Amino acid sequence: MLSKDGAISLILLLDQEEEVGAKDLQKVKSNYYVALQLAMSLKEIGLVNAKKVLTPRIAYSFSLTPKGKKVADKLKEVQRIIDGQ
């Protein structure tokens, strides 16, 4: 799952922002529907929470689960190792 294009970037974005709307996922993937599908895939494996937000239309808000936060912390640790810190 983490090998999917944009998965790691999405996890790190959610770690940094804590909660993002579906439109904000486009910071990771420019195509809205591809970004939404990626977030839903991460939800299926327990890394992301998806909350329906009622606006004039159905929208979603995403955040990391505790498991997702652990993964984000490990990814940041790996990045620090790569950067030599």
C-alpha atoms as a PDB file:
ATOM      1  CA  MET A   1       0.000   0.000   0.000  1.00  0.00           C
ATOM      2  CA  LEU A   2       2.758   2.477   0.818  1.00  0.00           C
ATOM      3  CA  SER A   3       4.201   1.821  -2.618  1.00  0.00           C
ATOM      4  CA  LYS A   4       1.178   3.526  -4.208  1.00  0.00           C
ATOM      5  CA  ASP A   5       2.131   6.840  -5.734  1.00  0.00           C
ATOM      6  CA  GLY A   6       1.459   9.588  -3.186  1.00  0.00           C
ATOM      7  CA  ALA A   7       0.687   7.343  -0.192  1.00  0.00           C
ATOM      8  CA  ILE A   8       3.702   8.401   1.868  1.00  0.00           C
ATOM      9  CA  SER A   9       3.205  12.058   0.981  1.00  0.00           C
ATOM     10  CA  LEU A  10      -0.441  11.848   2.030  1.00  0.00           C
ATOM     11  CA  ILE A  11       0.422  10.270   5.388  1.00  0.00           C
ATOM     12  CA  LEU A  12       3.010  12.978   6.057  1.00  0.00           C
ATOM     13  CA  LEU A  13       0.569  15.719   5.003  1.00  0.00           C
ATOM     14  CA  LEU A  14      -2.041  14.399   7.420  1.00  0.00           C
ATOM     15  CA  ASP A  15       0.587  14.221  10.159  1.00  0.00           C
ATOM     16  CA  GLN A  16       1.533  17.841   9.546  1.00  0.00           C
ATOM     17  CA  GLU A  17      -1.977  19.249   9.111  1.00  0.00           C
ATOM     18  CA  GLU A  18      -3.796  16.879  11.545  1.00  0.00           C
ATOM     19  CA  GLU A  19      -7.025  17.073   9.520  1.00  0.00           C
ATOM     20  CA  VAL A  20      -7.590  17.997   5.894  1.00  0.00           C
ATOM     21  CA  GLY A  21     -10.556  18.296   3.616  1.00  0.00           C
ATOM     22  CA  ALA A  22     -10.837  16.221   0.487  1.00  0.00           C
ATOM     23  CA  LYS A  23      -9.881  19.200  -1.698  1.00  0.00           C
ATOM     24  CA  ASP A  24      -6.626  19.574   0.264  1.00  0.00           C
ATOM     25  CA  LEU A  25      -5.634  16.075  -0.826  1.00  0.00           C
ATOM     26  CA  GLN A  26      -4.786  17.658  -4.152  1.00  0.00           C
ATOM     27  CA  LYS A  27      -1.590  18.918  -2.537  1.00  0.00           C
ATOM     28  CA  VAL A  28      -0.439  15.305  -2.914  1.00  0.00           C
ATOM     29  CA  LYS A  29      -2.246  14.197  -6.076  1.00  0.00           C
ATOM     30  CA  SER A  30      -3.500  16.837  -8.509  1.00  0.00           C
ATOM     31  CA  ASN A  31      -6.456  14.720  -9.638  1.00  0.00           C
ATOM     32  CA  TYR A  32      -9.193  15.020  -6.992  1.00  0.00           C
ATOM     33  CA  TYR A  33     -10.674  11.564  -7.609  1.00  0.00           C
ATOM     34  CA  VAL A  34      -7.281   9.826  -7.581  1.00  0.00           C
ATOM     35  CA  ALA A  35      -6.410  11.595  -4.320  1.00  0.00           C
ATOM     36  CA  LEU A  36      -9.758  10.628  -2.798  1.00  0.00           C
ATOM     37  CA  GLN A  37      -9.297   7.004  -3.865  1.00  0.00           C
ATOM     38  CA  LEU A  38      -5.814   6.971  -2.322  1.00  0.00           C
ATOM     39  CA  ALA A  39      -7.141   8.330   0.986  1.00  0.00           C
ATOM     40  CA  MET A  40      -9.921   5.738   0.997  1.00  0.00           C
ATOM     41  CA  SER A  41      -7.357   2.982   0.369  1.00  0.00           C
ATOM     42  CA  LEU A  42      -5.388   4.166   3.403  1.00  0.00           C
ATOM     43  CA  LYS A  43      -8.645   4.158   5.356  1.00  0.00           C
ATOM     44  CA  GLU A  44      -9.257   0.521   4.412  1.00  0.00           C
ATOM     45  CA  ILE A  45      -5.967  -0.537   6.004  1.00  0.00           C
ATOM     46  CA  GLY A  46      -6.597   1.495   9.155  1.00  0.00           C
ATOM     47  CA  LEU A  47      -4.180   4.389   8.678  1.00  0.00           C
ATOM     48  CA  VAL A  48      -6.686   7.155   7.979  1.00  0.00           C
ATOM     49  CA  ASN A  49     -10.037   8.261   9.376  1.00  0.00           C
ATOM     50  CA  ALA A  50     -12.576   9.579   6.879  1.00  0.00           C
ATOM     51  CA  LYS A  51     -15.411  11.659   8.251  1.00  0.00           C
ATOM     52  CA  LYS A  52     -18.368  12.753   6.129  1.00  0.00           C
ATOM     53  CA  VAL A  53     -18.961  16.467   6.358  1.00  0.00           C
ATOM     54  CA  LEU A  54     -22.367  17.719   5.342  1.00  0.00           C
ATOM     55  CA  THR A  55     -22.051  20.800   3.207  1.00  0.00           C
ATOM     56  CA  PRO A  56     -24.200  21.625   0.210  1.00  0.00           C
ATOM     57  CA  ARG A  57     -22.804  18.326  -1.060  1.00  0.00           C
ATOM     58  CA  ILE A  58     -21.153  15.350   0.604  1.00  0.00           C
ATOM     59  CA  ALA A  59     -17.512  16.002   1.394  1.00  0.00           C
ATOM     60  CA  TYR A  60     -14.911  14.259   3.522  1.00  0.00           C
ATOM     61  CA  SER A  61     -12.448  15.264   6.174  1.00  0.00           C
ATOM     62  CA  PHE A  62      -9.384  13.062   6.724  1.00  0.00           C
ATOM     63  CA  SER A  63      -7.078  12.524   9.681  1.00  0.00           C
ATOM     64  CA  LEU A  64      -4.608   9.896  10.831  1.00  0.00           C
ATOM     65  CA  THR A  65      -5.635   7.044  13.080  1.00  0.00           C
ATOM     66  CA  PRO A  66      -3.296   6.159  15.972  1.00  0.00           C
ATOM     67  CA  LYS A  67      -1.850   3.439  13.707  1.00  0.00           C
ATOM     68  CA  GLY A  68      -1.402   6.023  10.931  1.00  0.00           C
ATOM     69  CA  LYS A  69       0.375   8.356  13.363  1.00  0.00           C
ATOM     70  CA  LYS A  70       2.812   5.557  14.259  1.00  0.00           C
ATOM     71  CA  VAL A  71       3.511   4.990  10.568  1.00  0.00           C
ATOM     72  CA  ALA A  72       4.042   8.741  10.043  1.00  0.00           C
ATOM     73  CA  ASP A  73       6.491   8.850  12.959  1.00  0.00           C
ATOM     74  CA  LYS A  74       8.459   5.936  11.483  1.00  0.00           C
ATOM     75  CA  LEU A  75       8.516   7.597   8.053  1.00  0.00           C
ATOM     76  CA  LYS A  76       9.888  10.794   9.600  1.00  0.00           C
ATOM     77  CA  GLU A  77      12.506   8.726  11.443  1.00  0.00           C
ATOM     78  CA  VAL A  78      13.588   7.112   8.168  1.00  0.00           C
ATOM     79  CA  GLN A  79      13.793  10.552   6.543  1.00  0.00           C
ATOM     80  CA  ARG A  80      16.030  11.808   9.381  1.00  0.00           C
ATOM     81  CA  ILE A  81      18.333   8.793   8.869  1.00  0.00           C
ATOM     82  CA  ILE A  82      18.504   9.477   5.132  1.00  0.00           C
ATOM     83  CA  ASP A  83      19.248  13.159   5.791  1.00  0.00           C
ATOM     84  CA  GLY A  84      22.024  12.153   8.191  1.00  0.00           C
ATOM     85  CA  GLN A  85      20.538  13.692  11.310  1.00  0.00           C
END
